[in-house]
Amino acid sequence: MDFNAENLKKLRPLSGDGSKLYIETYGCQMNVSDSEVVLSILQRDGYRYTERIDEADVILVNTCSVRDNAEQRVLGRLREFKPYKRRKKALLVGVIGCMAERMKEQLMEREQLVDIVAGPDSYRDLPRLLRQAGDGSRSVNVLLSQEETYAEIAPVRLDKNGVSAFISIMRGCNNMCSYCVVPYTRGAERSRDPRTILREARELFDAGYREVTLLGQNVNSYRWEQDGHSTGFAALLDAVAGIDPLLRVRFSTSHPKDLSDEVLHVMARRENLCRAIHLPAQSGSTRMLELMNRKYTREWYLGRIAAIRRILPDCALSTDLIAGFCTETDADHRDTLSLMREVGYEFAFMFKYSERPNTKAARHFADDVPDDVKTARLTEIIGLQNELSLQSNCRDVGRTFEVLIEGVSKRSDDRLFGRTSQNKVVVFDRGDRRIGEYATVRITDCSSATLIGELL
């Protein structure tokens, strides 16, 4: 099965009987990928996708539990669905994903408008849950699985550009970082059959896509074993890149403790493996890293950065950083700032620590850094990262890059935007170029967030 929009027309209604389905997705790239799997499952059951919430017969909200703010956004959004429920009595509202796994009782008890709650491993059961809810019974399935990877399901792509797509290569996580709720909401780590990954990537390329991002909570620990043979992440990465030189390949997320030189050498050998690595540090303090159960030290992390610089000198680096984790001192915070300067990240996701119920940190550590201190430290981290991003972009002025064109600039229909191999956004005059093509662009100016270029 290919991934063109024509598939929407070819799927025959079964038990969904043509009912219209609307999906909202919150959180990480993995949730975007999961929503595409959910849509595939429900279209096969006869549901029709709509982008208009006012015409929906079923509303599904795919949720994130990584931070309290993400959950509060969803709870607020659910309350906004009440007018739709009043206007259409048969409307079904479902909460799926990580928040469904973590807050099943609260969702059913407190939010009376929720009819369906489905965890990340129960999406195959959604047709039954919807039928049950349609008969007037509220439906729940949040069982975690040791095997489920949805490997053979061809996702129905929700992206707008038809250029880049996500491919989930594994599910769950075994790392048990003390602040993180993911192992409790997504279960144990399990990898997907590489043959199904390669088939999905080939079909995407044949359908016109020119970039795929391989997704996992920790892609470096990907391992598939069958009949005495083992496939690790480096081999998988090499195989996907080997599909066609015109197919760009990215991956996320890498855990520093598992990023091997073997992966870096594969990237150096394959030009279509993008020169960008997202390597979450979380903190620059070894004391904090130990409390976080990250299983590496500051020195180990910097050793991995040195390996990247040695093997992939043109590689861009991004990271995740947490401000104000339990017992964090001013000295720990300064260690994070000094790490940022030493690495010189191109980009970072930066957050205040948000205690998540039932994690090791919630059970054993006091969330004792005052909120105003967390905010001040986060503000300082963001300010420094803006400086680092601008410095990095200024170094690119005058250089030439191959850019994969993703769309039309928001500010002008006469300009296009795309990304370099280093995952930097470039805006340039349209010329005679089209979305989905590669263009050679010289950088003429920049801001901290964007490169400005001219076509060559």
Protein backbone atom coordinates (compact mmCIF):
# COMPACT_ATOMS: atom_id res chain seq x y z
CA MET A 1 0.00 0.00 0.00
CA ASP A 2 1.38 3.44 -0.84
CA PHE A 3 0.84 6.64 1.09
CA ASN A 4 -0.90 8.92 -1.41
CA ALA A 5 -4.04 10.79 -0.39
CA GLU A 6 -5.95 8.62 -2.90
CA ASN A 7 -5.93 5.89 -0.26
CA LEU A 8 -8.59 7.85 1.60
CA LYS A 9 -10.96 7.20 -1.28
CA LYS A 10 -10.11 3.52 -1.77
CA LEU A 11 -10.87 2.28 1.74
CA ARG A 12 -14.40 0.84 1.88
CA PRO A 13 -16.58 1.57 4.92
CA LEU A 14 -17.01 -1.41 7.25
CA SER A 15 -18.19 -0.94 10.82
CA GLY A 16 -17.27 2.75 10.82
CA ASP A 17 -19.97 3.22 8.19
CA GLY A 18 -18.46 6.42 6.85
CA SER A 19 -18.46 8.28 10.18
CA LYS A 20 -16.13 11.28 10.17
CA LEU A 21 -13.02 11.18 12.35
CA TYR A 22 -11.09 14.20 13.65
CA ILE A 23 -7.70 13.81 15.41
CA GLU A 24 -5.74 16.34 17.45
CA THR A 25 -2.14 15.48 18.35
CA TYR A 26 -0.09 16.85 21.23
CA GLY A 27 3.51 16.17 22.19
CA CYS A 28 6.40 14.50 20.44
CA GLN A 29 7.05 13.25 16.92
CA MET A 30 6.20 9.74 18.13
CA ASN A 31 2.66 10.92 18.83
CA VAL A 32 2.39 12.32 15.30
CA SER A 33 3.46 8.92 13.98
CA ASP A 34 0.96 7.18 16.27
CA SER A 35 -1.89 9.38 15.04
CA GLU A 36 -1.09 8.26 11.49
CA VAL A 37 -1.27 4.63 12.62
CA VAL A 38 -4.61 5.28 14.35
CA LEU A 39 -6.00 6.88 11.21
CA SER A 40 -4.91 3.87 9.14
CA ILE A 41 -6.60 1.44 11.54
CA LEU A 42 -9.84 3.40 11.64
CA GLN A 43 -10.01 4.09 7.91
CA ARG A 44 -9.76 0.36 7.33
CA ASP A 45 -12.77 0.08 9.63
CA GLY A 46 -14.76 2.56 7.53
CA TYR A 47 -14.11 5.92 9.18
CA ARG A 48 -13.42 8.98 7.04
CA TYR A 49 -10.85 11.56 8.09
CA THR A 50 -11.85 15.21 8.38
CA GLU A 51 -9.84 18.31 9.24
CA ARG A 52 -13.00 20.08 10.42
CA ILE A 53 -13.91 19.43 14.03
CA ASP A 54 -17.43 20.81 13.57
CA GLU A 55 -18.35 17.99 11.17
CA ALA A 56 -16.78 15.15 13.17
CA ASP A 57 -18.67 12.14 14.51
CA VAL A 58 -15.59 11.05 16.48
CA ILE A 59 -12.98 13.32 18.09
CA LEU A 60 -9.72 11.69 19.24
CA VAL A 61 -7.09 13.59 21.22
CA ASN A 62 -3.63 11.98 21.14
CA THR A 63 -1.93 13.13 24.32
CA CYS A 64 1.43 13.66 26.02
CA SER A 65 2.32 13.22 29.71
CA VAL A 66 5.95 14.35 29.71
CA ARG A 67 5.09 17.61 31.51
CA ASP A 68 2.17 18.77 33.62
CA ASN A 69 1.62 21.72 31.29
CA ALA A 70 0.95 19.33 28.39
CA GLU A 71 -1.72 17.51 30.42
CA GLN A 72 -3.36 20.75 31.55
CA ARG A 73 -3.59 21.90 27.92
CA VAL A 74 -5.44 18.71 27.01
CA LEU A 75 -7.81 18.96 29.99
CA GLY A 76 -8.59 22.54 28.98
CA ARG A 77 -9.13 21.47 25.38
CA LEU A 78 -11.52 18.71 26.42
CA ARG A 79 -13.75 21.27 28.12
CA GLU A 80 -13.92 23.13 24.81
CA PHE A 81 -15.56 20.08 23.22
CA LYS A 82 -18.73 20.42 25.34
CA PRO A 83 -20.57 22.64 22.80
CA TYR A 84 -19.94 20.07 20.08
CA LYS A 85 -21.37 17.36 22.37
CA ARG A 86 -24.47 19.45 23.02
CA ARG A 87 -25.05 20.03 19.31
CA LYS A 88 -24.44 16.41 18.30
CA LYS A 89 -25.61 13.93 20.94
CA ALA A 90 -24.04 10.95 19.16
CA LEU A 91 -20.59 12.56 19.05
CA LEU A 92 -17.89 10.35 20.62
CA VAL A 93 -14.81 11.86 22.30
CA GLY A 94 -11.74 9.75 22.96
CA VAL A 95 -8.45 10.38 24.75
CA ILE A 96 -5.62 8.22 23.46
CA GLY A 97 -1.87 7.98 24.07
CA CYS A 98 0.31 8.58 27.12
CA MET A 99 -2.15 10.68 29.12
CA ALA A 100 -4.82 8.01 28.63
CA GLU A 101 -2.43 5.45 30.09
CA ARG A 102 -1.54 7.61 33.08
CA MET A 103 -4.89 9.27 33.92
CA LYS A 104 -7.53 6.74 32.87
CA GLU A 105 -9.59 6.97 36.06
CA GLN A 106 -9.50 10.76 36.26
CA LEU A 107 -10.48 11.11 32.61
CA MET A 108 -13.49 8.87 33.04
CA GLU A 109 -14.56 10.25 36.41
CA ARG A 110 -13.85 13.98 36.12
CA GLU A 111 -14.34 14.61 32.42
CA GLN A 112 -17.80 13.19 31.81
CA LEU A 113 -17.63 13.98 28.12
CA VAL A 114 -14.88 11.38 27.48
CA ASP A 115 -16.33 8.17 26.00
CA ILE A 116 -13.14 6.27 25.08
CA VAL A 117 -9.73 5.97 26.75
CA ALA A 118 -7.04 4.03 24.84
CA GLY A 119 -3.35 3.67 25.70
CA PRO A 120 -0.50 3.62 23.15
CA ASP A 121 -0.56 -0.19 22.80
CA SER A 122 -4.33 -0.57 22.29
CA TYR A 123 -4.91 1.24 19.00
CA ARG A 124 -5.87 -1.96 17.18
CA ASP A 125 -8.77 -2.19 19.63
CA LEU A 126 -10.15 1.25 18.75
CA PRO A 127 -12.84 -0.06 16.33
CA ARG A 128 -14.28 -2.25 19.10
CA LEU A 129 -14.00 0.53 21.67
CA LEU A 130 -15.84 2.93 19.36
CA ARG A 131 -18.60 0.39 18.69
CA GLN A 132 -18.97 -0.17 22.42
CA ALA A 133 -19.08 3.57 23.11
CA GLY A 134 -21.60 4.02 20.31
CA ASP A 135 -23.87 1.56 22.10
CA GLY A 136 -23.76 3.76 25.19
CA SER A 137 -20.96 2.14 27.21
CA ARG A 138 -17.82 4.04 28.09
CA SER A 139 -14.76 2.13 26.87
CA VAL A 140 -11.25 1.72 28.25
CA ASN A 141 -8.19 -0.25 27.12
CA VAL A 142 -4.83 0.80 28.53
CA LEU A 143 -3.07 -2.58 28.60
CA LEU A 144 0.64 -2.33 27.83
CA SER A 145 2.22 -4.86 25.49
CA GLN A 146 5.61 -6.54 25.33
CA GLU A 147 5.33 -7.09 21.56
CA GLU A 148 3.16 -4.42 19.89
CA THR A 149 5.01 -2.30 17.29
CA TYR A 150 2.24 -1.84 14.66
CA ALA A 151 4.92 -3.03 12.24
CA GLU A 152 2.71 -4.07 9.34
CA ILE A 153 0.31 -1.10 9.47
CA ALA A 154 0.90 1.45 6.72
CA PRO A 155 0.31 4.87 8.34
CA VAL A 156 -1.95 7.35 6.56
CA ARG A 157 0.19 10.48 6.35
CA LEU A 158 -1.19 13.60 8.00
CA ASP A 159 1.65 15.89 6.89
CA LYS A 160 0.83 18.72 4.52
CA ASN A 161 3.91 18.87 2.33
CA GLY A 162 4.33 15.30 1.06
CA VAL A 163 8.10 15.75 1.39
CA SER A 164 9.11 14.47 4.84
CA ALA A 165 7.63 11.72 7.00
CA PHE A 166 8.20 9.89 10.29
CA ILE A 167 8.86 6.15 10.60
CA SER A 168 8.61 4.58 14.04
CA ILE A 169 11.33 1.92 14.40
CA MET A 170 10.73 0.96 18.05
CA ARG A 171 8.42 1.62 20.98
CA GLY A 172 8.82 1.99 24.72
CA CYS A 173 11.89 2.69 26.82
CA ASN A 174 14.04 0.79 29.34
CA ASN A 175 16.19 3.68 30.57
CA MET A 176 14.08 4.66 33.60
CA CYS A 177 15.37 8.22 33.94
CA SER A 178 14.14 9.31 37.34
CA TYR A 179 12.13 12.31 36.03
CA CYS A 180 10.50 10.54 33.08
CA VAL A 181 7.04 9.03 32.81
CA VAL A 182 7.56 7.41 29.37
CA PRO A 183 8.45 3.87 30.58
CA TYR A 184 5.21 3.86 32.58
CA THR A 185 3.01 5.13 29.74
CA ARG A 186 4.66 3.40 26.75
CA GLY A 187 6.01 0.28 28.37
CA ALA A 188 9.19 -1.69 27.80
CA GLU A 189 11.45 -1.19 24.81
CA ARG A 190 10.84 -3.34 21.74
CA SER A 191 12.15 -3.01 18.20
CA ARG A 192 10.33 -3.37 14.91
CA ASP A 193 11.20 -5.88 12.17
CA PRO A 194 13.70 -4.07 9.89
CA ARG A 195 12.06 -5.50 6.77
CA THR A 196 8.86 -3.60 7.54
CA ILE A 197 10.85 -0.40 8.18
CA LEU A 198 12.65 -0.70 4.85
CA ARG A 199 9.41 -1.44 3.03
CA GLU A 200 7.76 1.63 4.54
CA ALA A 201 10.73 3.84 3.62
CA ARG A 202 10.79 2.53 0.03
CA GLU A 203 7.06 3.11 -0.38
CA LEU A 204 7.40 6.63 0.93
CA PHE A 205 10.20 7.37 -1.53
CA ASP A 206 8.20 5.89 -4.41
CA ALA A 207 5.25 8.09 -3.37
CA GLY A 208 7.40 11.21 -3.72
CA TYR A 209 8.72 11.71 -0.19
CA ARG A 210 12.35 12.78 -0.03
CA GLU A 211 13.06 12.65 3.71
CA VAL A 212 12.28 10.21 6.51
CA THR A 213 12.98 10.51 10.23
CA LEU A 214 13.48 7.24 12.11
CA LEU A 215 11.82 7.55 15.51
CA GLY A 216 12.34 5.89 18.87
CA GLN A 217 12.65 6.84 22.52
CA ASN A 218 16.28 5.68 22.19
CA VAL A 219 17.09 4.79 18.58
CA ASN A 220 20.67 3.81 19.48
CA SER A 221 19.41 0.75 21.36
CA TYR A 222 17.40 -0.54 18.38
CA ARG A 223 18.04 -4.27 17.98
CA TRP A 224 16.11 -6.91 16.04
CA GLU A 225 17.00 -10.56 16.53
CA GLN A 226 15.66 -13.45 14.49
CA ASP A 227 16.99 -16.89 13.55
CA GLY A 228 20.32 -16.22 15.18
CA HIS A 229 20.86 -12.96 13.26
CA SER A 230 20.92 -9.51 14.84
CA THR A 231 20.36 -6.08 13.31
CA GLY A 232 21.52 -3.03 15.27
CA PHE A 233 20.84 0.63 14.67
CA ALA A 234 23.96 1.28 12.58
CA ALA A 235 23.02 -1.51 10.15
CA LEU A 236 19.42 -0.32 9.96
CA LEU A 237 20.52 3.26 9.33
CA ASP A 238 22.85 2.10 6.54
CA ALA A 239 20.10 0.02 4.93
CA VAL A 240 17.53 2.83 4.92
CA ALA A 241 20.08 5.29 3.51
CA GLY A 242 20.87 2.71 0.81
CA ILE A 243 17.34 2.87 -0.63
CA ASP A 244 18.23 5.87 -2.80
CA PRO A 245 20.79 8.71 -2.56
CA LEU A 246 17.93 11.20 -3.05
CA LEU A 247 16.25 10.03 0.18
CA ARG A 248 17.44 12.04 3.17
CA VAL A 249 17.46 10.14 6.47
CA ARG A 250 17.28 11.63 9.96
CA PHE A 251 16.77 9.98 13.36
CA SER A 252 15.62 10.93 16.84
CA THR A 253 16.25 10.53 19.71
CA SER A 254 19.80 9.44 20.58
CA HIS A 255 20.71 8.56 24.15
CA PRO A 256 24.29 9.68 24.89
CA LYS A 257 25.21 6.45 26.66
CA ASP A 258 24.44 4.39 23.54
CA LEU A 259 25.65 6.59 20.67
CA SER A 260 28.36 4.45 19.08
CA ASP A 261 31.26 5.34 16.80
CA GLU A 262 29.83 2.74 14.41
CA VAL A 263 26.73 4.91 13.88
CA LEU A 264 28.91 7.98 13.33
CA HIS A 265 31.05 6.18 10.75
CA VAL A 266 27.92 5.05 8.87
CA MET A 267 26.78 8.68 8.82
CA ALA A 268 30.17 9.80 7.52
CA ARG A 269 30.03 7.23 4.72
CA ARG A 270 26.48 8.02 3.57
CA GLU A 271 26.00 11.59 2.34
CA ASN A 272 22.22 11.31 2.54
CA LEU A 273 22.37 10.61 6.29
CA CYS A 274 21.75 14.12 7.57
CA ARG A 275 24.48 15.90 9.49
CA ALA A 276 22.38 16.59 12.57
CA ILE A 277 22.23 14.71 15.87
CA HIS A 278 19.82 15.41 18.70
CA LEU A 279 21.70 14.38 21.85
CA PRO A 280 19.78 15.27 25.03
CA ALA A 281 22.10 16.32 27.83
CA GLN A 282 19.38 17.36 30.34
CA SER A 283 22.07 18.84 32.62
CA GLY A 284 25.74 19.77 32.56
CA SER A 285 26.24 18.65 36.16
CA THR A 286 27.43 15.10 36.83
CA ARG A 287 25.70 15.22 40.22
CA MET A 288 22.40 16.07 38.54
CA LEU A 289 22.91 13.42 35.87
CA GLU A 290 23.33 10.79 38.58
CA LEU A 291 20.14 11.88 40.33
CA MET A 292 18.38 11.82 36.96
CA ASN A 293 19.64 8.24 36.40
CA ARG A 294 21.00 9.21 32.99
CA LYS A 295 23.81 6.61 33.23
CA TYR A 296 26.58 8.90 31.98
CA THR A 297 28.71 11.71 33.35
CA ARG A 298 29.45 15.16 31.99
CA GLU A 299 32.85 13.83 30.88
CA TRP A 300 31.28 10.88 29.02
CA TYR A 301 28.87 13.22 27.27
CA LEU A 302 31.67 15.53 26.17
CA GLY A 303 33.57 12.47 24.95
CA ARG A 304 30.65 11.67 22.65
CA ILE A 305 30.62 15.28 21.43
CA ALA A 306 34.37 14.99 20.69
CA ALA A 307 33.72 11.81 18.68
CA ILE A 308 31.03 13.55 16.66
CA ARG A 309 33.33 16.50 15.96
CA ARG A 310 36.13 14.14 14.91
CA ILE A 311 34.11 11.83 12.64
CA LEU A 312 31.44 14.31 11.45
CA PRO A 313 33.01 17.79 11.58
CA ASP A 314 30.06 19.36 9.74
CA CYS A 315 27.43 17.88 12.09
CA ALA A 316 24.95 20.14 13.90
CA LEU A 317 24.04 19.35 17.49
CA SER A 318 20.79 19.93 19.39
CA THR A 319 19.79 18.93 22.88
CA ASP A 320 17.19 18.86 25.69
CA LEU A 321 17.81 20.74 28.94
CA ILE A 322 15.91 20.73 32.24
CA ALA A 323 16.11 23.72 34.59
CA GLY A 324 15.53 23.25 38.31
CA PHE A 325 15.60 19.48 38.79
CA CYS A 326 15.46 18.28 42.40
CA THR A 327 18.19 19.77 44.65
CA GLU A 328 19.76 21.68 41.74
CA THR A 329 22.13 24.36 43.04
CA ASP A 330 23.50 27.50 41.42
CA ALA A 331 26.72 25.56 40.80
CA ASP A 332 24.80 22.78 38.99
CA HIS A 333 23.06 25.41 36.89
CA ARG A 334 26.39 27.04 36.01
CA ASP A 335 27.63 23.59 34.91
CA THR A 336 24.74 23.44 32.44
CA LEU A 337 25.56 26.89 31.08
CA SER A 338 29.23 25.97 30.69
CA LEU A 339 28.29 22.74 28.89
CA MET A 340 26.17 24.72 26.46
CA ARG A 341 29.07 27.04 25.71
CA GLU A 342 31.53 24.20 25.33
CA VAL A 343 29.33 22.25 22.91
CA GLY A 344 27.87 25.25 21.08
CA TYR A 345 24.46 23.77 20.32
CA GLU A 346 22.62 24.87 17.20
CA PHE A 347 19.25 24.35 18.88
CA ALA A 348 17.77 23.19 22.19
CA PHE A 349 14.45 22.18 23.75
CA MET A 350 14.48 23.82 27.19
CA PHE A 351 12.04 23.28 30.07
CA LYS A 352 11.47 23.81 33.74
CA TYR A 353 11.41 20.58 35.72
CA SER A 354 7.85 19.26 36.05
CA GLU A 355 7.36 16.49 38.60
CA ARG A 356 5.48 13.55 37.12
CA PRO A 357 3.49 11.27 39.44
CA ASN A 358 4.89 7.80 40.23
CA THR A 359 8.32 8.45 38.72
CA LYS A 360 11.39 7.70 40.83
CA ALA A 361 11.97 11.43 41.34
CA ALA A 362 8.41 11.92 42.59
CA ARG A 363 8.73 8.96 44.96
CA HIS A 364 12.19 9.68 46.38
CA PHE A 365 13.22 13.30 45.78
CA ALA A 366 11.74 16.59 46.91
CA ASP A 367 10.81 19.02 44.16
CA ASP A 368 12.57 21.66 46.21
CA VAL A 369 13.74 24.30 43.73
CA PRO A 370 11.35 27.28 43.99
CA ASP A 371 9.40 28.02 40.83
CA ASP A 372 10.78 31.54 40.53
CA VAL A 373 14.31 30.11 40.65
CA LYS A 374 13.41 27.54 37.97
CA THR A 375 12.00 30.33 35.81
CA ALA A 376 15.10 32.51 36.24
CA ARG A 377 17.42 29.63 35.37
CA LEU A 378 15.34 28.66 32.36
CA THR A 379 15.35 32.26 31.15
CA GLU A 380 19.14 32.31 31.39
CA ILE A 381 19.39 29.00 29.49
CA ILE A 382 17.08 30.29 26.73
CA GLY A 383 19.02 33.55 26.46
CA LEU A 384 22.32 31.73 26.11
CA GLN A 385 20.90 29.33 23.52
CA ASN A 386 19.63 32.25 21.44
CA GLU A 387 23.18 33.61 21.43
CA LEU A 388 24.64 30.22 20.45
CA SER A 389 22.08 29.75 17.67
CA LEU A 390 22.83 33.17 16.25
CA GLN A 391 26.58 32.54 16.39
CA SER A 392 26.14 29.24 14.57
CA ASN A 393 23.95 30.78 11.88
CA CYS A 394 26.36 33.71 11.40
CA ARG A 395 29.12 31.19 10.66
CA ASP A 396 26.98 29.87 7.80
CA VAL A 397 26.71 33.22 6.02
CA GLY A 398 28.63 32.98 2.76
CA ARG A 399 28.48 29.19 2.69
CA THR A 400 26.55 27.08 0.16
CA PHE A 401 24.13 24.29 1.14
CA GLU A 402 21.89 21.76 -0.55
CA VAL A 403 18.37 22.49 0.67
CA LEU A 404 15.36 20.17 0.47
CA ILE A 405 12.39 22.42 -0.31
CA GLU A 406 9.48 21.81 2.08
CA GLY A 407 7.02 24.61 1.38
CA VAL A 408 6.14 28.23 0.74
CA SER A 409 7.31 30.90 3.17
CA LYS A 410 4.64 32.13 5.58
CA ARG A 411 5.61 35.73 4.85
CA SER A 412 5.63 35.66 1.04
CA ASP A 413 4.30 33.41 -1.70
CA ASP A 414 7.34 34.43 -3.76
CA ARG A 415 9.70 32.67 -1.35
CA LEU A 416 10.24 29.04 -0.44
CA PHE A 417 11.71 27.41 2.63
CA GLY A 418 13.56 24.18 3.21
CA ARG A 419 16.19 22.62 5.45
CA THR A 420 19.87 21.94 5.17
CA SER A 421 21.35 18.59 6.09
CA GLN A 422 22.11 20.23 9.45
CA ASN A 423 18.34 20.74 9.97
CA LYS A 424 18.53 24.54 9.67
CA VAL A 425 15.62 26.37 8.03
CA VAL A 426 16.54 28.41 4.93
CA VAL A 427 14.26 30.94 3.21
CA PHE A 428 15.01 32.00 -0.39
CA ASP A 429 13.37 33.37 -3.54
CA ARG A 430 11.22 30.83 -5.35
CA GLY A 431 12.70 31.07 -8.84
CA ASP A 432 11.53 28.09 -10.88
CA ARG A 433 11.88 25.57 -8.03
CA ARG A 434 9.18 23.32 -6.62
CA ILE A 435 8.36 21.76 -3.29
CA GLY A 436 10.08 18.38 -2.92
CA GLU A 437 13.10 19.35 -5.03
CA TYR A 438 16.66 19.95 -3.90
CA ALA A 439 18.13 23.42 -4.42
CA THR A 440 21.64 24.80 -4.04
CA VAL A 441 21.48 27.93 -1.91
CA ARG A 442 24.13 30.43 -0.78
CA ILE A 443 23.47 31.94 2.65
CA THR A 444 23.42 35.75 2.60
CA ASP A 445 21.95 36.66 6.00
CA CYS A 446 20.47 35.11 9.12
CA SER A 447 18.61 35.47 12.40
CA SER A 448 18.98 33.19 15.42
CA ALA A 449 16.21 30.97 14.01
CA THR A 450 16.50 31.19 10.22
CA LEU A 451 19.01 31.38 7.39
CA ILE A 452 18.33 33.66 4.41
CA GLY A 453 19.74 32.57 1.06
CA GLU A 454 19.84 32.99 -2.69
CA LEU A 455 19.41 30.30 -5.32
CA LEU A 456 22.46 29.32 -7.33
